[in-house]
Amino acid sequence: MNEYEDYEKQCKILRKENQVLLDEFSAWLESKGLKPKTVRKHCDNVSFFINDFLLYSEVIRAVDGANHVGMFLSYWFISAILVQS
């Protein structure tokens, strides 16, 4: 298996783990009484961070992603928003 295939395999495994986290997060938000639209928006934002940013150039588990929030918010997220505009 080459390096790219190994990277893709690891990302696939983490995306499955991340889906469990997102489902739990969604249920927690719903239990707090948030409206479905708000829950969906928060989950979309978290998904973008853990499934796109943390897996962009290296494989970083969501639990280890807290150290990367600053880079995400100060550069990567803003660049992605500007590209969408």
C-alpha atoms as a PDB file:
ATOM      1  CA  MET A   1       0.000   0.000   0.000  1.00  0.00           C
ATOM      2  CA  ASN A   2       1.405   3.381  -0.942  1.00  0.00           C
ATOM      3  CA  GLU A   3       1.450   6.438   1.287  1.00  0.00           C
ATOM      4  CA  TYR A   4      -1.668   8.017  -0.237  1.00  0.00           C
ATOM      5  CA  GLU A   5      -3.699   4.810   0.070  1.00  0.00           C
ATOM      6  CA  ASP A   6      -2.640   4.510   3.705  1.00  0.00           C
ATOM      7  CA  TYR A   7      -3.667   8.133   4.323  1.00  0.00           C
ATOM      8  CA  GLU A   8      -7.077   7.540   2.703  1.00  0.00           C
ATOM      9  CA  LYS A   9      -7.587   4.366   4.745  1.00  0.00           C
ATOM     10  CA  GLN A  10      -6.815   6.209   7.982  1.00  0.00           C
ATOM     11  CA  CYS A  11      -9.148   9.063   6.998  1.00  0.00           C
ATOM     12  CA  LYS A  12     -11.968   6.621   6.276  1.00  0.00           C
ATOM     13  CA  ILE A  13     -11.570   5.058   9.731  1.00  0.00           C
ATOM     14  CA  LEU A  14     -11.552   8.478  11.416  1.00  0.00           C
ATOM     15  CA  ARG A  15     -14.583   9.696   9.483  1.00  0.00           C
ATOM     16  CA  LYS A  16     -16.521   6.749  10.915  1.00  0.00           C
ATOM     17  CA  GLU A  17     -15.306   7.611  14.428  1.00  0.00           C
ATOM     18  CA  ASN A  18     -16.169  11.247  13.797  1.00  0.00           C
ATOM     19  CA  GLN A  19     -19.700  10.351  12.747  1.00  0.00           C
ATOM     20  CA  VAL A  20     -20.258   8.720  16.129  1.00  0.00           C
ATOM     21  CA  LEU A  21     -19.032  11.903  17.825  1.00  0.00           C
ATOM     22  CA  LEU A  22     -21.255  14.064  15.630  1.00  0.00           C
ATOM     23  CA  ASP A  23     -24.293  11.891  16.361  1.00  0.00           C
ATOM     24  CA  GLU A  24     -23.632  12.159  20.100  1.00  0.00           C
ATOM     25  CA  PHE A  25     -23.072  15.911  19.837  1.00  0.00           C
ATOM     26  CA  SER A  26     -26.298  16.317  17.879  1.00  0.00           C
ATOM     27  CA  ALA A  27     -28.258  14.330  20.469  1.00  0.00           C
ATOM     28  CA  TRP A  28     -26.743  16.418  23.264  1.00  0.00           C
ATOM     29  CA  LEU A  29     -27.659  19.683  21.531  1.00  0.00           C
ATOM     30  CA  GLU A  30     -31.189  18.431  20.955  1.00  0.00           C
ATOM     31  CA  SER A  31     -31.460  17.463  24.628  1.00  0.00           C
ATOM     32  CA  LYS A  32     -30.627  21.072  25.501  1.00  0.00           C
ATOM     33  CA  GLY A  33     -33.643  22.235  23.520  1.00  0.00           C
ATOM     34  CA  LEU A  34     -31.915  23.723  20.491  1.00  0.00           C
ATOM     35  CA  LYS A  35     -33.950  23.939  17.312  1.00  0.00           C
ATOM     36  CA  PRO A  36     -33.148  21.428  14.538  1.00  0.00           C
ATOM     37  CA  LYS A  37     -31.747  24.159  12.265  1.00  0.00           C
ATOM     38  CA  THR A  38     -29.354  25.309  15.007  1.00  0.00           C
ATOM     39  CA  VAL A  39     -28.290  21.739  15.785  1.00  0.00           C
ATOM     40  CA  ARG A  40     -27.624  21.090  12.092  1.00  0.00           C
ATOM     41  CA  LYS A  41     -25.548  24.282  11.742  1.00  0.00           C
ATOM     42  CA  HIS A  42     -23.398  23.486  14.791  1.00  0.00           C
ATOM     43  CA  CYS A  43     -22.893  19.914  13.593  1.00  0.00           C
ATOM     44  CA  ASP A  44     -21.976  21.133  10.098  1.00  0.00           C
ATOM     45  CA  ASN A  45     -19.352  23.456  11.582  1.00  0.00           C
ATOM     46  CA  VAL A  46     -17.878  20.723  13.782  1.00  0.00           C
ATOM     47  CA  SER A  47     -17.915  18.285  10.859  1.00  0.00           C
ATOM     48  CA  PHE A  48     -16.022  20.787   8.717  1.00  0.00           C
ATOM     49  CA  PHE A  49     -13.349  21.078  11.415  1.00  0.00           C
ATOM     50  CA  ILE A  50     -12.931  17.372  12.185  1.00  0.00           C
ATOM     51  CA  ASN A  51     -13.535  15.870   8.724  1.00  0.00           C
ATOM     52  CA  ASP A  52     -11.965  18.502   6.486  1.00  0.00           C
ATOM     53  CA  PHE A  53      -9.433  20.571   8.392  1.00  0.00           C
ATOM     54  CA  LEU A  54      -8.040  17.881  10.710  1.00  0.00           C
ATOM     55  CA  LEU A  55      -7.756  15.405   7.836  1.00  0.00           C
ATOM     56  CA  TYR A  56      -6.530  17.844   5.194  1.00  0.00           C
ATOM     57  CA  SER A  57      -2.788  17.246   5.154  1.00  0.00           C
ATOM     58  CA  GLU A  58      -2.319  14.775   7.986  1.00  0.00           C
ATOM     59  CA  VAL A  59      -4.544  12.476   9.980  1.00  0.00           C
ATOM     60  CA  ILE A  60      -5.460  14.087  13.297  1.00  0.00           C
ATOM     61  CA  ARG A  61      -8.083  12.547  15.552  1.00  0.00           C
ATOM     62  CA  ALA A  62     -10.844  14.863  16.780  1.00  0.00           C
ATOM     63  CA  VAL A  63      -9.786  14.311  20.379  1.00  0.00           C
ATOM     64  CA  ASP A  64      -6.332  15.664  19.470  1.00  0.00           C
ATOM     65  CA  GLY A  65      -7.647  18.594  17.436  1.00  0.00           C
ATOM     66  CA  ALA A  66      -7.935  21.189  20.208  1.00  0.00           C
ATOM     67  CA  ASN A  67      -4.367  22.343  19.609  1.00  0.00           C
ATOM     68  CA  HIS A  68      -5.276  23.172  16.006  1.00  0.00           C
ATOM     69  CA  VAL A  69      -8.347  25.357  16.598  1.00  0.00           C
ATOM     70  CA  GLY A  70      -6.329  28.582  16.456  1.00  0.00           C
ATOM     71  CA  MET A  71      -4.973  27.847  12.972  1.00  0.00           C
ATOM     72  CA  PHE A  72      -8.423  26.744  11.823  1.00  0.00           C
ATOM     73  CA  LEU A  73     -10.179  29.893  13.023  1.00  0.00           C
ATOM     74  CA  SER A  74      -7.444  32.387  12.188  1.00  0.00           C
ATOM     75  CA  TYR A  75      -6.669  31.242   8.676  1.00  0.00           C
ATOM     76  CA  TRP A  76      -8.197  28.092   7.224  1.00  0.00           C
ATOM     77  CA  PHE A  77     -11.863  28.708   8.041  1.00  0.00           C
ATOM     78  CA  ILE A  78     -11.752  32.309   6.852  1.00  0.00           C
ATOM     79  CA  SER A  79     -10.052  31.285   3.596  1.00  0.00           C
ATOM     80  CA  ALA A  80     -12.691  28.621   2.991  1.00  0.00           C
ATOM     81  CA  ILE A  81     -15.500  31.114   3.629  1.00  0.00           C
ATOM     82  CA  LEU A  82     -13.970  33.622   1.207  1.00  0.00           C
ATOM     83  CA  VAL A  83     -13.681  30.987  -1.510  1.00  0.00           C
ATOM     84  CA  GLN A  84     -17.393  30.144  -1.117  1.00  0.00           C
ATOM     85  CA  SER A  85     -18.418  33.806  -1.494  1.00  0.00           C
END
